[in-house]
Amino acid sequence: MAYGLECRSPFLDHQVADLATSMPLNYKLKGRYGKQILRDTFADLIPEPILQRSKMGFGVPVDHWFRNELKPLLHDVLLSERAMSRGYFEPAKIQRLVEEHTTGLRDHSKHLWALLVLEVWCRMFIDASAVSATRPASHGVF
């Protein structure tokens, strides 16, 4: 969950969370199966093998994307002067990770994803706050 895909937004509603915490445990757990009330609620819609299977991850082909469709983004963001000048990482090592990954020598997709997310976060929150601190207050729409 550190930087993975999460698709639980219906369960984040405070009324759903309040309802779930107020239910007795036997509504939520039956033997080794959790989420019992969800299983019972949707039993007529979900095939039995899926209802009974173990928890599974959801793989996203980031490794493929970084070698193909997202290769330009990876280069434009991670190898930009802006990212390299932050001083958080040694530029040569970041360049090596990108090169090894994009040429297929090694799979660095997890590290590259984390670095990409960090750089985008820095641009949104670090760089943006530095710009707004030096910019005079605006009285217009923008």
C-alpha atoms as a PDB file:
ATOM      1  CA  MET A   1       0.000   0.000   0.000  1.00  0.00           C
ATOM      2  CA  ALA A   2       2.982   2.337   0.174  1.00  0.00           C
ATOM      3  CA  TYR A   3       2.509   3.402  -3.422  1.00  0.00           C
ATOM      4  CA  GLY A   4       0.157   0.761  -4.787  1.00  0.00           C
ATOM      5  CA  LEU A   5      -3.249   0.951  -6.361  1.00  0.00           C
ATOM      6  CA  GLU A   6      -6.116   1.060  -3.899  1.00  0.00           C
ATOM      7  CA  CYS A   7      -9.738   0.873  -4.997  1.00  0.00           C
ATOM      8  CA  ARG A   8     -11.706   1.075  -1.777  1.00  0.00           C
ATOM      9  CA  SER A   9     -13.392   4.454  -2.096  1.00  0.00           C
ATOM     10  CA  PRO A  10     -16.934   3.198  -1.309  1.00  0.00           C
ATOM     11  CA  PHE A  11     -15.608   1.894   2.010  1.00  0.00           C
ATOM     12  CA  LEU A  12     -14.066   5.239   2.921  1.00  0.00           C
ATOM     13  CA  ASP A  13     -17.461   6.896   3.344  1.00  0.00           C
ATOM     14  CA  HIS A  14     -17.789   7.741   7.044  1.00  0.00           C
ATOM     15  CA  GLN A  15     -21.326   6.337   7.234  1.00  0.00           C
ATOM     16  CA  VAL A  16     -20.189   2.993   5.797  1.00  0.00           C
ATOM     17  CA  ALA A  17     -17.239   2.952   8.233  1.00  0.00           C
ATOM     18  CA  ASP A  18     -19.549   3.782  11.166  1.00  0.00           C
ATOM     19  CA  LEU A  19     -21.932   0.995  10.161  1.00  0.00           C
ATOM     20  CA  ALA A  20     -19.089  -1.515   9.829  1.00  0.00           C
ATOM     21  CA  THR A  21     -17.647  -0.689  13.249  1.00  0.00           C
ATOM     22  CA  SER A  22     -21.059  -1.013  14.883  1.00  0.00           C
ATOM     23  CA  MET A  23     -21.718  -4.541  13.510  1.00  0.00           C
ATOM     24  CA  PRO A  24     -21.052  -7.637  15.593  1.00  0.00           C
ATOM     25  CA  LEU A  25     -17.881  -9.538  14.671  1.00  0.00           C
ATOM     26  CA  ASN A  26     -19.793 -12.623  13.487  1.00  0.00           C
ATOM     27  CA  TYR A  27     -21.325 -10.497  10.679  1.00  0.00           C
ATOM     28  CA  LYS A  28     -17.840  -9.670   9.451  1.00  0.00           C
ATOM     29  CA  LEU A  29     -15.949 -12.921  10.070  1.00  0.00           C
ATOM     30  CA  LYS A  30     -16.924 -16.560   9.487  1.00  0.00           C
ATOM     31  CA  GLY A  31     -14.235 -19.172  10.032  1.00  0.00           C
ATOM     32  CA  ARG A  32     -11.189 -18.160   8.017  1.00  0.00           C
ATOM     33  CA  TYR A  33     -13.138 -15.835   5.735  1.00  0.00           C
ATOM     34  CA  GLY A  34     -13.326 -12.141   6.481  1.00  0.00           C
ATOM     35  CA  LYS A  35     -15.717  -9.601   4.986  1.00  0.00           C
ATOM     36  CA  GLN A  36     -18.555 -12.086   5.555  1.00  0.00           C
ATOM     37  CA  ILE A  37     -21.331  -9.525   5.246  1.00  0.00           C
ATOM     38  CA  LEU A  38     -19.988  -8.486   1.832  1.00  0.00           C
ATOM     39  CA  ARG A  39     -19.753 -12.120   0.742  1.00  0.00           C
ATOM     40  CA  ASP A  40     -23.342 -12.759   1.871  1.00  0.00           C
ATOM     41  CA  THR A  41     -24.634  -9.545   0.298  1.00  0.00           C
ATOM     42  CA  PHE A  42     -23.150 -10.244  -3.134  1.00  0.00           C
ATOM     43  CA  ALA A  43     -23.336 -14.066  -3.139  1.00  0.00           C
ATOM     44  CA  ASP A  44     -25.947 -14.079  -5.915  1.00  0.00           C
ATOM     45  CA  LEU A  45     -23.754 -11.852  -8.125  1.00  0.00           C
ATOM     46  CA  ILE A  46     -20.283 -13.350  -7.632  1.00  0.00           C
ATOM     47  CA  PRO A  47     -19.370 -16.941  -8.574  1.00  0.00           C
ATOM     48  CA  GLU A  48     -18.595 -19.230  -5.634  1.00  0.00           C
ATOM     49  CA  PRO A  49     -14.921 -19.851  -6.581  1.00  0.00           C
ATOM     50  CA  ILE A  50     -14.281 -16.107  -6.459  1.00  0.00           C
ATOM     51  CA  LEU A  51     -16.122 -15.714  -3.148  1.00  0.00           C
ATOM     52  CA  GLN A  52     -13.987 -18.453  -1.580  1.00  0.00           C
ATOM     53  CA  ARG A  53     -10.573 -17.668  -3.055  1.00  0.00           C
ATOM     54  CA  SER A  54      -7.679 -16.148  -1.150  1.00  0.00           C
ATOM     55  CA  LYS A  55      -6.795 -12.494  -1.367  1.00  0.00           C
ATOM     56  CA  MET A  56      -5.028 -11.603  -4.594  1.00  0.00           C
ATOM     57  CA  GLY A  57      -2.969  -8.657  -5.689  1.00  0.00           C
ATOM     58  CA  PHE A  58      -3.656  -6.669  -8.819  1.00  0.00           C
ATOM     59  CA  GLY A  59      -0.615  -6.362 -11.028  1.00  0.00           C
ATOM     60  CA  VAL A  60      -0.110  -3.282 -13.154  1.00  0.00           C
ATOM     61  CA  PRO A  61       2.440  -3.618 -16.005  1.00  0.00           C
ATOM     62  CA  VAL A  62       4.510  -0.606 -14.944  1.00  0.00           C
ATOM     63  CA  ASP A  63       7.687  -2.371 -16.062  1.00  0.00           C
ATOM     64  CA  HIS A  64       6.300  -2.627 -19.613  1.00  0.00           C
ATOM     65  CA  TRP A  65       4.916   0.908 -19.596  1.00  0.00           C
ATOM     66  CA  PHE A  66       8.287   2.379 -18.533  1.00  0.00           C
ATOM     67  CA  ARG A  67       9.928   0.599 -21.477  1.00  0.00           C
ATOM     68  CA  ASN A  68       7.252   1.727 -23.939  1.00  0.00           C
ATOM     69  CA  GLU A  69       4.368   4.178 -23.514  1.00  0.00           C
ATOM     70  CA  LEU A  70       5.728   5.930 -20.404  1.00  0.00           C
ATOM     71  CA  LYS A  71       9.410   5.889 -21.402  1.00  0.00           C
ATOM     72  CA  PRO A  72       9.315   9.552 -22.529  1.00  0.00           C
ATOM     73  CA  LEU A  73       7.635  10.572 -19.260  1.00  0.00           C
ATOM     74  CA  LEU A  74      10.217   8.677 -17.244  1.00  0.00           C
ATOM     75  CA  HIS A  75      13.049  10.461 -19.062  1.00  0.00           C
ATOM     76  CA  ASP A  76      11.376  13.889 -19.031  1.00  0.00           C
ATOM     77  CA  VAL A  77      10.643  13.781 -15.305  1.00  0.00           C
ATOM     78  CA  LEU A  78      13.338  11.688 -13.613  1.00  0.00           C
ATOM     79  CA  LEU A  79      16.224  12.772 -15.810  1.00  0.00           C
ATOM     80  CA  SER A  80      15.211  16.418 -15.931  1.00  0.00           C
ATOM     81  CA  GLU A  81      17.583  19.069 -14.663  1.00  0.00           C
ATOM     82  CA  ARG A  82      14.935  19.957 -12.093  1.00  0.00           C
ATOM     83  CA  ALA A  83      14.889  16.447 -10.602  1.00  0.00           C
ATOM     84  CA  MET A  84      18.637  15.944 -10.851  1.00  0.00           C
ATOM     85  CA  SER A  85      19.401  19.227  -9.083  1.00  0.00           C
ATOM     86  CA  ARG A  86      17.371  18.392  -5.952  1.00  0.00           C
ATOM     87  CA  GLY A  87      20.355  16.653  -4.394  1.00  0.00           C
ATOM     88  CA  TYR A  88      18.295  13.785  -2.969  1.00  0.00           C
ATOM     89  CA  PHE A  89      19.963  11.135  -5.134  1.00  0.00           C
ATOM     90  CA  GLU A  90      23.114  10.745  -7.183  1.00  0.00           C
ATOM     91  CA  PRO A  91      22.129  11.677 -10.770  1.00  0.00           C
ATOM     92  CA  ALA A  92      24.408   9.028 -12.303  1.00  0.00           C
ATOM     93  CA  LYS A  93      22.696   6.287 -10.304  1.00  0.00           C
ATOM     94  CA  ILE A  94      19.216   7.461 -11.313  1.00  0.00           C
ATOM     95  CA  GLN A  95      20.376   7.596 -14.931  1.00  0.00           C
ATOM     96  CA  ARG A  96      21.773   4.063 -14.599  1.00  0.00           C
ATOM     97  CA  LEU A  97      18.459   2.761 -13.172  1.00  0.00           C
ATOM     98  CA  VAL A  98      16.518   4.319 -16.039  1.00  0.00           C
ATOM     99  CA  GLU A  99      18.969   3.028 -18.658  1.00  0.00           C
ATOM    100  CA  GLU A 100      19.100  -0.521 -17.267  1.00  0.00           C
ATOM    101  CA  HIS A 101      15.330  -0.652 -17.072  1.00  0.00           C
ATOM    102  CA  THR A 102      14.452   0.870 -20.443  1.00  0.00           C
ATOM    103  CA  THR A 103      16.957  -1.351 -22.276  1.00  0.00           C
ATOM    104  CA  GLY A 104      15.541  -4.446 -20.575  1.00  0.00           C
ATOM    105  CA  LEU A 105      18.761  -5.268 -18.726  1.00  0.00           C
ATOM    106  CA  ARG A 106      17.023  -5.209 -15.307  1.00  0.00           C
ATOM    107  CA  ASP A 107      13.580  -4.572 -13.874  1.00  0.00           C
ATOM    108  CA  HIS A 108      13.769  -1.436 -11.740  1.00  0.00           C
ATOM    109  CA  SER A 109      10.084  -0.584 -12.166  1.00  0.00           C
ATOM    110  CA  LYS A 110       9.290  -0.506  -8.431  1.00  0.00           C
ATOM    111  CA  HIS A 111      12.167   1.846  -7.679  1.00  0.00           C
ATOM    112  CA  LEU A 112      11.474   3.992 -10.712  1.00  0.00           C
ATOM    113  CA  TRP A 113       7.787   4.242  -9.806  1.00  0.00           C
ATOM    114  CA  ALA A 114       8.687   5.385  -6.289  1.00  0.00           C
ATOM    115  CA  LEU A 115      11.165   7.940  -7.658  1.00  0.00           C
ATOM    116  CA  LEU A 116       8.646   9.209 -10.209  1.00  0.00           C
ATOM    117  CA  VAL A 117       5.948   9.629  -7.552  1.00  0.00           C
ATOM    118  CA  LEU A 118       8.424  11.415  -5.267  1.00  0.00           C
ATOM    119  CA  GLU A 119       9.442  13.826  -8.027  1.00  0.00           C
ATOM    120  CA  VAL A 120       5.840  14.594  -8.965  1.00  0.00           C
ATOM    121  CA  TRP A 121       5.050  15.138  -5.272  1.00  0.00           C
ATOM    122  CA  CYS A 122       8.031  17.506  -4.959  1.00  0.00           C
ATOM    123  CA  ARG A 123       6.824  19.480  -7.940  1.00  0.00           C
ATOM    124  CA  MET A 124       3.296  19.719  -6.564  1.00  0.00           C
ATOM    125  CA  PHE A 125       4.109  20.528  -2.956  1.00  0.00           C
ATOM    126  CA  ILE A 126       7.723  21.640  -2.537  1.00  0.00           C
ATOM    127  CA  ASP A 127       8.156  23.627  -5.738  1.00  0.00           C
ATOM    128  CA  ALA A 128       4.599  24.992  -5.685  1.00  0.00           C
ATOM    129  CA  SER A 129       4.936  26.267  -2.110  1.00  0.00           C
ATOM    130  CA  ALA A 130       8.276  27.907  -2.939  1.00  0.00           C
ATOM    131  CA  VAL A 131       6.686  29.705  -5.896  1.00  0.00           C
ATOM    132  CA  SER A 132       3.620  30.808  -3.935  1.00  0.00           C
ATOM    133  CA  ALA A 133       5.822  32.124  -1.100  1.00  0.00           C
ATOM    134  CA  THR A 134       7.625  34.459  -3.506  1.00  0.00           C
ATOM    135  CA  ARG A 135       4.572  35.455  -5.521  1.00  0.00           C
ATOM    136  CA  PRO A 136       2.482  38.452  -4.379  1.00  0.00           C
ATOM    137  CA  ALA A 137      -1.124  37.721  -3.422  1.00  0.00           C
ATOM    138  CA  SER A 138      -3.465  37.655  -6.374  1.00  0.00           C
ATOM    139  CA  HIS A 139      -6.799  39.432  -6.266  1.00  0.00           C
ATOM    140  CA  GLY A 140      -8.126  37.979  -9.508  1.00  0.00           C
ATOM    141  CA  VAL A 141      -9.421  34.557 -10.452  1.00  0.00           C
ATOM    142  CA  PHE A 142      -5.911  33.296 -11.301  1.00  0.00           C
END
